[in-house]
Amino acid sequence: MKQQVVIIGGGPAGFFTAITMAERNPDLQIILLEKSDKVLQKVKVSGGGRCNVTHACFTPQELVEFYPRGKKELLGPFHTFMTGDT
């Protein structure tokens, strides 16, 4: 009988965990559970599927370039809350 792994959460972390486990352990049966009716829903609404782009940007001017539909509106908030604040 194959070993089974259950991953709870169909978001990016759950998907990447499932993919990594499948690549490293091809004999595993991996089950991915998500409570909502669609997986990766938050990725879809995170700015065109770009997800989190804040990890390597250290100036507001650099960061707003990743948000073509809101550069002007986000520049002010990014001066207040930046990547180093998280």
Protein backbone atom coordinates (compact mmCIF):
# COMPACT_ATOMS: atom_id res chain seq x y z
CA MET A 1 0.00 0.00 0.00
CA LYS A 2 1.30 3.45 -0.92
CA GLN A 3 2.00 5.93 1.83
CA GLN A 4 -0.48 8.78 1.86
CA VAL A 5 0.11 12.40 2.73
CA VAL A 6 -2.73 14.83 3.28
CA ILE A 7 -2.00 18.52 2.78
CA ILE A 8 -4.57 20.89 4.19
CA GLY A 9 -4.90 24.12 2.25
CA GLY A 10 -5.10 24.63 -1.50
CA GLY A 11 -3.20 27.90 -1.52
CA PRO A 12 0.31 28.52 -2.83
CA ALA A 13 2.03 26.93 0.18
CA GLY A 14 -0.11 23.80 -0.08
CA PHE A 15 0.48 23.51 -3.82
CA PHE A 16 4.23 24.00 -3.57
CA THR A 17 4.38 21.50 -0.72
CA ALA A 18 2.47 18.94 -2.78
CA ILE A 19 4.67 19.52 -5.84
CA THR A 20 7.90 19.30 -3.84
CA MET A 21 6.79 16.13 -2.05
CA ALA A 22 5.74 14.52 -5.34
CA GLU A 23 9.07 15.37 -6.96
CA ARG A 24 11.09 14.03 -4.04
CA ASN A 25 8.88 11.00 -3.28
CA PRO A 26 7.20 9.78 -6.48
CA ASP A 27 5.67 6.79 -4.67
CA LEU A 28 3.62 8.94 -2.28
CA GLN A 29 -0.09 9.39 -2.76
CA ILE A 30 -0.69 13.08 -2.09
CA ILE A 31 -4.12 14.43 -1.24
CA LEU A 32 -4.66 18.20 -1.24
CA LEU A 33 -7.68 19.47 0.70
CA GLU A 34 -9.20 22.93 0.33
CA LYS A 35 -12.26 24.17 2.21
CA SER A 36 -13.43 26.62 -0.45
CA ASP A 37 -14.87 25.56 -3.77
CA LYS A 38 -11.80 26.70 -5.75
CA VAL A 39 -8.11 26.23 -5.11
CA LEU A 40 -5.56 29.04 -5.46
CA GLN A 41 -8.34 31.62 -5.16
CA LYS A 42 -6.18 34.16 -3.31
CA VAL A 43 -3.49 33.91 -5.99
CA LYS A 44 -6.06 34.86 -8.58
CA VAL A 45 -6.97 38.07 -6.73
CA SER A 46 -3.41 39.00 -5.77
CA GLY A 47 -2.75 41.27 -8.71
CA GLY A 48 -3.06 39.18 -11.82
CA GLY A 49 -1.51 36.06 -10.34
CA ARG A 50 1.77 37.68 -9.37
CA CYS A 51 1.34 36.75 -5.72
CA ASN A 52 3.78 38.26 -3.25
CA VAL A 53 6.34 40.45 -4.97
CA THR A 54 7.41 42.36 -1.88
CA HIS A 55 10.18 40.10 -0.64
CA ALA A 56 13.01 41.65 -2.64
CA CYS A 57 11.97 45.30 -3.09
CA PHE A 58 13.36 47.84 -0.71
CA THR A 59 12.11 51.18 -2.05
CA PRO A 60 8.53 52.25 -2.70
CA GLN A 61 9.42 53.37 -6.23
CA GLU A 62 10.78 49.92 -7.05
CA LEU A 63 7.82 48.12 -5.48
CA VAL A 64 5.08 50.05 -7.31
CA GLU A 65 6.51 48.89 -10.65
CA PHE A 66 4.99 45.47 -9.92
CA TYR A 67 1.50 46.98 -9.70
CA PRO A 68 0.70 48.48 -13.11
CA ARG A 69 -2.97 48.99 -12.17
CA GLY A 70 -2.36 51.06 -9.07
CA LYS A 71 1.13 52.54 -9.06
CA LYS A 72 -0.03 56.03 -8.18
CA GLU A 73 -2.46 54.88 -5.49
CA LEU A 74 0.04 52.54 -3.80
CA LEU A 75 3.04 54.85 -3.68
CA GLY A 76 1.77 56.67 -0.56
CA PRO A 77 0.94 53.52 1.44
CA PHE A 78 4.27 51.96 0.46
CA HIS A 79 6.05 54.97 1.97
CA THR A 80 4.20 54.20 5.22
CA PHE A 81 4.35 50.39 5.22
CA MET A 82 7.26 48.75 3.46
CA THR A 83 8.78 45.28 3.22
CA GLY A 84 10.96 45.80 6.28
CA ASP A 85 7.84 46.37 8.41
CA THR A 86 6.63 42.80 8.04
